[in-house]
Amino acid sequence: MRTSSALEHFPQLFAGLAALSLSLVVSSFIFAKSIREFKQANDVLVVTGSAKRPIQSDYIILRFSVSSQEPTAKAAYQNLKNQTERVQAYLQEQGVTDDAMTLSAVQTYAVPEISVNGRDTGQVLAYRLSQNIEIRSHEVEKYTQLSQQANELINEGINLVSEPPQYLYTKLSQLRIEMTAEASKDAKARAEAIAKSTGNRVGAIRSAKTGVFQITSRNSTDVSDYGIYDTSSLEKDITAVVSVQFGME
């Protein structure tokens, strides 16, 4: 009777073991697939791409300063006024329009009398006045020459100080967009070259980060973590850098 009972339960036991084995196989397959997908999800390649273009400044800023010093404030002001009017007339002779030229407020400084022991006596020896003249224009070449010629006013007795021109580029907004795209393409090309050498393929972009733009004088190797904007050079180079994270397949 016991043997018969055992035989009766054997098919059920076999079916149970078979089901358990099948479930183990399925679980192993799912686990292996999950591990593979997890590995693929974490298998990434970070590549830096760059783009560089030569540009020429299309905007110039010129700054001049005129000064005078006389025993009285009235005399110093009249002297400054005469000099400033002469500078304005000279600039107009050179074709500078009124809307391109701006005059700052007059700055006044009282020169104190200093005793032999280095103390301020409370007396004023003279008054020193100064005024700035600024020119802004898109006529870069024209005003570049003017910045070099204006110092001839010194021969006329004008107390003129001419600052180096500042050269700017006014189309940076659009150029940044274009160069970011170029740098991203360069990053992808580099990623594909690396992946090919390892027998992999480049997948989708996981993340991208744009670096600072470097605007330097032509052929300069200067870089800065905060970016560079050179204003001393007429001809410049602009460099864009993008760091891109790609998935690998």
C-alpha atoms as a PDB file:
ATOM      1  CA  MET A   1       0.000   0.000   0.000  1.00  0.00           C
ATOM      2  CA  ARG A   2       2.858   2.440   0.864  1.00  0.00           C
ATOM      3  CA  THR A   3       4.652   1.662  -2.434  1.00  0.00           C
ATOM      4  CA  SER A   4       1.535   2.381  -4.426  1.00  0.00           C
ATOM      5  CA  SER A   5       1.059   5.662  -2.597  1.00  0.00           C
ATOM      6  CA  ALA A   6       4.618   6.742  -3.366  1.00  0.00           C
ATOM      7  CA  LEU A   7       4.157   5.925  -7.029  1.00  0.00           C
ATOM      8  CA  GLU A   8       0.973   7.904  -7.111  1.00  0.00           C
ATOM      9  CA  HIS A   9       2.784  11.008  -5.766  1.00  0.00           C
ATOM     10  CA  PHE A  10       5.835  10.669  -8.055  1.00  0.00           C
ATOM     11  CA  PRO A  11       4.323  12.465 -11.100  1.00  0.00           C
ATOM     12  CA  GLN A  12       3.392  15.408  -8.890  1.00  0.00           C
ATOM     13  CA  LEU A  13       6.890  15.505  -7.459  1.00  0.00           C
ATOM     14  CA  PHE A  14       8.400  15.331 -10.922  1.00  0.00           C
ATOM     15  CA  ALA A  15       6.140  18.106 -12.153  1.00  0.00           C
ATOM     16  CA  GLY A  16       7.122  20.242  -9.194  1.00  0.00           C
ATOM     17  CA  LEU A  17      10.830  19.731  -9.822  1.00  0.00           C
ATOM     18  CA  ALA A  18      10.395  20.486 -13.488  1.00  0.00           C
ATOM     19  CA  ALA A  19       8.533  23.694 -12.709  1.00  0.00           C
ATOM     20  CA  LEU A  20      11.235  24.689 -10.231  1.00  0.00           C
ATOM     21  CA  SER A  21      13.956  24.005 -12.787  1.00  0.00           C
ATOM     22  CA  LEU A  22      12.117  26.028 -15.425  1.00  0.00           C
ATOM     23  CA  SER A  23      11.675  28.929 -13.049  1.00  0.00           C
ATOM     24  CA  LEU A  24      15.363  28.834 -12.202  1.00  0.00           C
ATOM     25  CA  VAL A  25      16.277  28.940 -15.888  1.00  0.00           C
ATOM     26  CA  VAL A  26      13.925  31.865 -16.526  1.00  0.00           C
ATOM     27  CA  SER A  27      15.208  33.685 -13.449  1.00  0.00           C
ATOM     28  CA  SER A  28      18.802  33.153 -14.567  1.00  0.00           C
ATOM     29  CA  PHE A  29      17.986  34.512 -18.025  1.00  0.00           C
ATOM     30  CA  ILE A  30      16.262  37.564 -16.590  1.00  0.00           C
ATOM     31  CA  PHE A  31      19.118  38.127 -14.148  1.00  0.00           C
ATOM     32  CA  ALA A  32      21.727  37.828 -16.881  1.00  0.00           C
ATOM     33  CA  LYS A  33      19.798  40.212 -19.095  1.00  0.00           C
ATOM     34  CA  SER A  34      19.451  42.678 -16.248  1.00  0.00           C
ATOM     35  CA  ILE A  35      23.185  42.550 -15.557  1.00  0.00           C
ATOM     36  CA  ARG A  36      23.902  43.103 -19.264  1.00  0.00           C
ATOM     37  CA  GLU A  37      21.523  46.042 -19.475  1.00  0.00           C
ATOM     38  CA  PHE A  38      22.939  47.513 -16.274  1.00  0.00           C
ATOM     39  CA  LYS A  39      26.447  47.224 -17.677  1.00  0.00           C
ATOM     40  CA  GLN A  40      25.378  48.878 -20.919  1.00  0.00           C
ATOM     41  CA  ALA A  41      23.634  51.640 -19.006  1.00  0.00           C
ATOM     42  CA  ASN A  42      26.836  52.406 -17.108  1.00  0.00           C
ATOM     43  CA  ASP A  43      29.224  51.904 -20.037  1.00  0.00           C
ATOM     44  CA  VAL A  44      29.847  55.506 -21.131  1.00  0.00           C
ATOM     45  CA  LEU A  45      32.533  57.482 -22.890  1.00  0.00           C
ATOM     46  CA  VAL A  46      33.258  61.130 -22.083  1.00  0.00           C
ATOM     47  CA  VAL A  47      34.858  63.085 -24.928  1.00  0.00           C
ATOM     48  CA  THR A  48      35.827  66.738 -25.302  1.00  0.00           C
ATOM     49  CA  GLY A  49      35.195  68.377 -28.659  1.00  0.00           C
ATOM     50  CA  SER A  50      36.378  71.786 -29.820  1.00  0.00           C
ATOM     51  CA  ALA A  51      35.870  74.261 -32.640  1.00  0.00           C
ATOM     52  CA  LYS A  52      37.992  77.245 -33.606  1.00  0.00           C
ATOM     53  CA  ARG A  53      37.349  80.147 -35.960  1.00  0.00           C
ATOM     54  CA  PRO A  54      39.253  83.272 -36.945  1.00  0.00           C
ATOM     55  CA  ILE A  55      37.280  86.500 -36.541  1.00  0.00           C
ATOM     56  CA  GLN A  56      37.946  90.162 -37.194  1.00  0.00           C
ATOM     57  CA  SER A  57      36.694  92.831 -34.810  1.00  0.00           C
ATOM     58  CA  ASP A  58      33.809  94.901 -36.139  1.00  0.00           C
ATOM     59  CA  TYR A  59      33.593  97.533 -33.378  1.00  0.00           C
ATOM     60  CA  ILE A  60      36.159  99.903 -31.896  1.00  0.00           C
ATOM     61  CA  ILE A  61      36.292 102.071 -28.768  1.00  0.00           C
ATOM     62  CA  LEU A  62      38.773 104.948 -28.490  1.00  0.00           C
ATOM     63  CA  ARG A  63      39.372 106.907 -25.301  1.00  0.00           C
ATOM     64  CA  PHE A  64      41.268 110.169 -24.973  1.00  0.00           C
ATOM     65  CA  SER A  65      41.917 112.237 -21.881  1.00  0.00           C
ATOM     66  CA  VAL A  66      42.670 115.962 -21.701  1.00  0.00           C
ATOM     67  CA  SER A  67      43.960 117.653 -18.553  1.00  0.00           C
ATOM     68  CA  SER A  68      44.974 121.057 -17.223  1.00  0.00           C
ATOM     69  CA  GLN A  69      46.515 122.417 -14.017  1.00  0.00           C
ATOM     70  CA  GLU A  70      46.398 126.054 -12.938  1.00  0.00           C
ATOM     71  CA  PRO A  71      46.626 128.035  -9.674  1.00  0.00           C
ATOM     72  CA  THR A  72      42.875 128.692  -9.687  1.00  0.00           C
ATOM     73  CA  ALA A  73      39.915 126.493 -10.529  1.00  0.00           C
ATOM     74  CA  LYS A  74      38.625 129.110 -12.987  1.00  0.00           C
ATOM     75  CA  ALA A  75      41.885 129.263 -14.905  1.00  0.00           C
ATOM     76  CA  ALA A  76      42.174 125.467 -14.926  1.00  0.00           C
ATOM     77  CA  TYR A  77      38.651 125.116 -16.278  1.00  0.00           C
ATOM     78  CA  GLN A  78      39.212 127.679 -19.040  1.00  0.00           C
ATOM     79  CA  ASN A  79      42.447 125.967 -20.035  1.00  0.00           C
ATOM     80  CA  LEU A  80      40.717 122.586 -20.110  1.00  0.00           C
ATOM     81  CA  LYS A  81      37.819 124.007 -22.113  1.00  0.00           C
ATOM     82  CA  ASN A  82      40.166 125.432 -24.748  1.00  0.00           C
ATOM     83  CA  GLN A  83      42.061 122.154 -25.053  1.00  0.00           C
ATOM     84  CA  THR A  84      38.903 120.048 -25.262  1.00  0.00           C
ATOM     85  CA  GLU A  85      37.438 122.267 -27.969  1.00  0.00           C
ATOM     86  CA  ARG A  86      40.664 121.914 -29.966  1.00  0.00           C
ATOM     87  CA  VAL A  87      40.577 118.122 -29.645  1.00  0.00           C
ATOM     88  CA  GLN A  88      36.915 118.021 -30.713  1.00  0.00           C
ATOM     89  CA  ALA A  89      37.668 120.207 -33.712  1.00  0.00           C
ATOM     90  CA  TYR A  90      40.567 117.955 -34.680  1.00  0.00           C
ATOM     91  CA  LEU A  91      38.406 114.842 -34.419  1.00  0.00           C
ATOM     92  CA  GLN A  92      35.696 116.436 -36.547  1.00  0.00           C
ATOM     93  CA  GLU A  93      38.346 117.305 -39.131  1.00  0.00           C
ATOM     94  CA  GLN A  94      39.192 113.606 -39.216  1.00  0.00           C
ATOM     95  CA  GLY A  95      35.566 112.717 -39.957  1.00  0.00           C
ATOM     96  CA  VAL A  96      34.359 111.815 -36.469  1.00  0.00           C
ATOM     97  CA  THR A  97      30.623 112.479 -36.235  1.00  0.00           C
ATOM     98  CA  ASP A  98      28.986 113.997 -33.168  1.00  0.00           C
ATOM     99  CA  ASP A  99      26.915 110.884 -32.478  1.00  0.00           C
ATOM    100  CA  ALA A 100      30.087 108.763 -32.283  1.00  0.00           C
ATOM    101  CA  MET A 101      31.755 111.051 -29.749  1.00  0.00           C
ATOM    102  CA  THR A 102      30.931 111.331 -26.035  1.00  0.00           C
ATOM    103  CA  LEU A 103      32.365 113.728 -23.458  1.00  0.00           C
ATOM    104  CA  SER A 104      32.490 112.779 -19.797  1.00  0.00           C
ATOM    105  CA  ALA A 105      31.898 115.119 -16.868  1.00  0.00           C
ATOM    106  CA  VAL A 106      34.856 117.259 -15.816  1.00  0.00           C
ATOM    107  CA  GLN A 107      36.829 115.805 -12.939  1.00  0.00           C
ATOM    108  CA  THR A 108      38.410 118.236 -10.467  1.00  0.00           C
ATOM    109  CA  TYR A 109      41.259 117.619  -8.043  1.00  0.00           C
ATOM    110  CA  ALA A 110      42.706 120.170  -5.648  1.00  0.00           C
ATOM    111  CA  VAL A 111      46.484 119.794  -5.360  1.00  0.00           C
ATOM    112  CA  PRO A 112      47.365 120.300  -1.671  1.00  0.00           C
ATOM    113  CA  GLU A 113      50.440 122.052  -0.359  1.00  0.00           C
ATOM    114  CA  ILE A 114      52.716 119.648   1.509  1.00  0.00           C
ATOM    115  CA  SER A 115      55.227 120.931   4.079  1.00  0.00           C
ATOM    116  CA  VAL A 116      58.829 119.734   4.277  1.00  0.00           C
ATOM    117  CA  ASN A 117      57.856 117.282   7.022  1.00  0.00           C
ATOM    118  CA  GLY A 118      55.231 115.720   4.737  1.00  0.00           C
ATOM    119  CA  ARG A 119      52.136 117.268   6.316  1.00  0.00           C
ATOM    120  CA  ASP A 120      49.215 118.842   4.517  1.00  0.00           C
ATOM    121  CA  THR A 121      49.252 122.568   5.287  1.00  0.00           C
ATOM    122  CA  GLY A 122      45.606 123.033   4.358  1.00  0.00           C
ATOM    123  CA  GLN A 123      46.528 125.296   1.449  1.00  0.00           C
ATOM    124  CA  VAL A 124      45.795 124.530  -2.207  1.00  0.00           C
ATOM    125  CA  LEU A 125      48.682 124.893  -4.602  1.00  0.00           C
ATOM    126  CA  ALA A 126      46.720 124.322  -7.812  1.00  0.00           C
ATOM    127  CA  TYR A 127      43.657 122.786  -9.386  1.00  0.00           C
ATOM    128  CA  ARG A 128      43.948 119.858 -11.752  1.00  0.00           C
ATOM    129  CA  LEU A 129      41.035 119.198 -14.102  1.00  0.00           C
ATOM    130  CA  SER A 130      40.525 116.426 -16.633  1.00  0.00           C
ATOM    131  CA  GLN A 131      37.919 115.297 -19.138  1.00  0.00           C
ATOM    132  CA  ASN A 132      37.549 112.092 -21.149  1.00  0.00           C
ATOM    133  CA  ILE A 133      36.490 111.843 -24.778  1.00  0.00           C
ATOM    134  CA  GLU A 134      35.197 108.480 -25.991  1.00  0.00           C
ATOM    135  CA  ILE A 135      34.576 107.366 -29.560  1.00  0.00           C
ATOM    136  CA  ARG A 136      32.563 104.252 -30.462  1.00  0.00           C
ATOM    137  CA  SER A 137      32.110 103.109 -34.035  1.00  0.00           C
ATOM    138  CA  HIS A 138      31.827 100.181 -36.448  1.00  0.00           C
ATOM    139  CA  GLU A 139      34.342 101.920 -38.744  1.00  0.00           C
ATOM    140  CA  VAL A 140      37.224  99.968 -37.299  1.00  0.00           C
ATOM    141  CA  GLU A 141      39.952 100.666 -39.840  1.00  0.00           C
ATOM    142  CA  LYS A 142      39.211 104.380 -39.961  1.00  0.00           C
ATOM    143  CA  TYR A 143      39.442 104.854 -36.225  1.00  0.00           C
ATOM    144  CA  THR A 144      42.430 102.561 -35.826  1.00  0.00           C
ATOM    145  CA  GLN A 145      44.405 105.049 -37.902  1.00  0.00           C
ATOM    146  CA  LEU A 146      42.945 107.947 -35.916  1.00  0.00           C
ATOM    147  CA  SER A 147      44.192 106.466 -32.643  1.00  0.00           C
ATOM    148  CA  GLN A 148      47.717 106.533 -34.047  1.00  0.00           C
ATOM    149  CA  GLN A 149      47.476 110.039 -35.484  1.00  0.00           C
ATOM    150  CA  ALA A 150      45.777 111.905 -32.647  1.00  0.00           C
ATOM    151  CA  ASN A 151      48.960 112.147 -30.596  1.00  0.00           C
ATOM    152  CA  GLU A 152      50.185 114.831 -33.007  1.00  0.00           C
ATOM    153  CA  LEU A 153      48.013 117.211 -30.969  1.00  0.00           C
ATOM    154  CA  ILE A 154      50.676 116.990 -28.275  1.00  0.00           C
ATOM    155  CA  ASN A 155      52.878 119.096 -30.574  1.00  0.00           C
ATOM    156  CA  GLU A 156      50.263 121.844 -30.261  1.00  0.00           C
ATOM    157  CA  GLY A 157      50.618 121.884 -26.486  1.00  0.00           C
ATOM    158  CA  ILE A 158      47.536 119.756 -25.795  1.00  0.00           C
ATOM    159  CA  ASN A 159      47.832 117.618 -22.661  1.00  0.00           C
ATOM    160  CA  LEU A 160      46.411 114.571 -24.412  1.00  0.00           C
ATOM    161  CA  VAL A 161      46.595 110.966 -23.281  1.00  0.00           C
ATOM    162  CA  SER A 162      45.462 108.352 -25.789  1.00  0.00           C
ATOM    163  CA  GLU A 163      44.538 104.882 -24.527  1.00  0.00           C
ATOM    164  CA  PRO A 164      45.074 101.783 -26.690  1.00  0.00           C
ATOM    165  CA  PRO A 165      41.994 101.009 -28.835  1.00  0.00           C
ATOM    166  CA  GLN A 166      39.557  98.354 -27.698  1.00  0.00           C
ATOM    167  CA  TYR A 167      38.438  95.975 -30.433  1.00  0.00           C
ATOM    168  CA  LEU A 168      35.167  94.082 -30.014  1.00  0.00           C
ATOM    169  CA  TYR A 169      33.111  91.596 -32.013  1.00  0.00           C
ATOM    170  CA  THR A 170      29.365  92.222 -31.939  1.00  0.00           C
ATOM    171  CA  LYS A 171      28.065  88.966 -33.460  1.00  0.00           C
ATOM    172  CA  LEU A 172      29.130  86.600 -30.700  1.00  0.00           C
ATOM    173  CA  SER A 173      25.608  85.425 -29.797  1.00  0.00           C
ATOM    174  CA  GLN A 174      24.957  83.749 -33.139  1.00  0.00           C
ATOM    175  CA  LEU A 175      28.542  82.565 -33.459  1.00  0.00           C
ATOM    176  CA  ARG A 176      28.396  80.815 -30.069  1.00  0.00           C
ATOM    177  CA  ILE A 177      25.424  78.723 -31.243  1.00  0.00           C
ATOM    178  CA  GLU A 178      27.164  77.706 -34.464  1.00  0.00           C
ATOM    179  CA  MET A 179      30.444  76.869 -32.770  1.00  0.00           C
ATOM    180  CA  THR A 180      28.782  74.835 -30.023  1.00  0.00           C
ATOM    181  CA  ALA A 181      27.241  72.682 -32.760  1.00  0.00           C
ATOM    182  CA  GLU A 182      30.641  72.325 -34.454  1.00  0.00           C
ATOM    183  CA  ALA A 183      32.316  71.369 -31.174  1.00  0.00           C
ATOM    184  CA  SER A 184      29.614  68.751 -30.531  1.00  0.00           C
ATOM    185  CA  LYS A 185      30.207  67.205 -33.977  1.00  0.00           C
ATOM    186  CA  ASP A 186      33.926  67.120 -33.238  1.00  0.00           C
ATOM    187  CA  ALA A 187      33.225  65.351 -29.931  1.00  0.00           C
ATOM    188  CA  LYS A 188      31.131  62.709 -31.702  1.00  0.00           C
ATOM    189  CA  ALA A 189      33.810  62.146 -34.334  1.00  0.00           C
ATOM    190  CA  ARG A 190      36.396  61.620 -31.617  1.00  0.00           C
ATOM    191  CA  ALA A 191      34.082  59.274 -29.710  1.00  0.00           C
ATOM    192  CA  GLU A 192      33.465  57.187 -32.839  1.00  0.00           C
ATOM    193  CA  ALA A 193      37.211  56.916 -33.475  1.00  0.00           C
ATOM    194  CA  ILE A 194      37.804  55.705 -29.917  1.00  0.00           C
ATOM    195  CA  ALA A 195      34.863  53.286 -30.006  1.00  0.00           C
ATOM    196  CA  LYS A 196      35.985  51.814 -33.331  1.00  0.00           C
ATOM    197  CA  SER A 197      39.426  51.055 -31.937  1.00  0.00           C
ATOM    198  CA  THR A 198      37.817  49.071 -29.098  1.00  0.00           C
ATOM    199  CA  GLY A 199      35.213  47.273 -31.200  1.00  0.00           C
ATOM    200  CA  ASN A 200      32.275  49.215 -29.769  1.00  0.00           C
ATOM    201  CA  ARG A 201      29.722  51.616 -31.154  1.00  0.00           C
ATOM    202  CA  VAL A 202      28.737  55.066 -29.959  1.00  0.00           C
ATOM    203  CA  GLY A 203      25.212  55.270 -28.610  1.00  0.00           C
ATOM    204  CA  ALA A 204      23.015  58.184 -27.626  1.00  0.00           C
ATOM    205  CA  ILE A 205      24.254  61.303 -25.862  1.00  0.00           C
ATOM    206  CA  ARG A 206      23.799  60.996 -22.100  1.00  0.00           C
ATOM    207  CA  SER A 207      24.793  64.536 -21.212  1.00  0.00           C
ATOM    208  CA  ALA A 208      26.638  67.546 -22.613  1.00  0.00           C
ATOM    209  CA  LYS A 209      28.356  70.492 -20.990  1.00  0.00           C
ATOM    210  CA  THR A 210      29.513  73.638 -22.752  1.00  0.00           C
ATOM    211  CA  GLY A 211      32.793  75.118 -21.561  1.00  0.00           C
ATOM    212  CA  VAL A 212      33.801  78.785 -21.538  1.00  0.00           C
ATOM    213  CA  PHE A 213      34.673  80.498 -24.795  1.00  0.00           C
ATOM    214  CA  GLN A 214      38.211  81.704 -25.366  1.00  0.00           C
ATOM    215  CA  ILE A 215      38.516  84.837 -27.515  1.00  0.00           C
ATOM    216  CA  THR A 216      42.222  85.437 -27.965  1.00  0.00           C
ATOM    217  CA  SER A 217      44.599  87.257 -30.254  1.00  0.00           C
ATOM    218  CA  ARG A 218      45.344  85.410 -33.486  1.00  0.00           C
ATOM    219  CA  ASN A 219      47.334  82.188 -32.975  1.00  0.00           C
ATOM    220  CA  SER A 220      47.537  82.694 -29.214  1.00  0.00           C
ATOM    221  CA  THR A 221      47.784  79.678 -26.920  1.00  0.00           C
ATOM    222  CA  ASP A 222      46.348  81.473 -23.871  1.00  0.00           C
ATOM    223  CA  VAL A 223      43.494  79.762 -22.015  1.00  0.00           C
ATOM    224  CA  SER A 224      41.639  80.479 -18.795  1.00  0.00           C
ATOM    225  CA  ASP A 225      39.163  78.552 -16.654  1.00  0.00           C
ATOM    226  CA  TYR A 226      36.981  81.665 -16.670  1.00  0.00           C
ATOM    227  CA  GLY A 227      37.340  82.380 -20.379  1.00  0.00           C
ATOM    228  CA  ILE A 228      39.305  85.081 -22.177  1.00  0.00           C
ATOM    229  CA  TYR A 229      38.028  88.078 -24.104  1.00  0.00           C
ATOM    230  CA  ASP A 230      40.942  89.840 -25.735  1.00  0.00           C
ATOM    231  CA  THR A 231      40.138  93.440 -26.710  1.00  0.00           C
ATOM    232  CA  SER A 232      43.635  94.522 -27.714  1.00  0.00           C
ATOM    233  CA  SER A 233      43.764  92.751 -31.082  1.00  0.00           C
ATOM    234  CA  LEU A 234      41.948  93.556 -34.298  1.00  0.00           C
ATOM    235  CA  GLU A 235      42.173  89.944 -35.514  1.00  0.00           C
ATOM    236  CA  LYS A 236      41.229  87.227 -33.053  1.00  0.00           C
ATOM    237  CA  ASP A 237      40.506  83.520 -32.698  1.00  0.00           C
ATOM    238  CA  ILE A 238      37.430  82.206 -30.915  1.00  0.00           C
ATOM    239  CA  THR A 239      37.478  78.685 -29.481  1.00  0.00           C
ATOM    240  CA  ALA A 240      34.502  76.698 -28.179  1.00  0.00           C
ATOM    241  CA  VAL A 241      34.794  73.536 -26.064  1.00  0.00           C
ATOM    242  CA  VAL A 242      32.061  70.977 -25.319  1.00  0.00           C
ATOM    243  CA  SER A 243      32.282  67.933 -23.032  1.00  0.00           C
ATOM    244  CA  VAL A 244      29.879  65.186 -24.153  1.00  0.00           C
ATOM    245  CA  GLN A 245      29.018  61.878 -22.475  1.00  0.00           C
ATOM    246  CA  PHE A 246      28.024  59.116 -24.917  1.00  0.00           C
ATOM    247  CA  GLY A 247      26.514  55.732 -24.166  1.00  0.00           C
ATOM    248  CA  MET A 248      28.398  52.755 -25.614  1.00  0.00           C
ATOM    249  CA  GLU A 249      26.896  49.796 -27.462  1.00  0.00           C
END
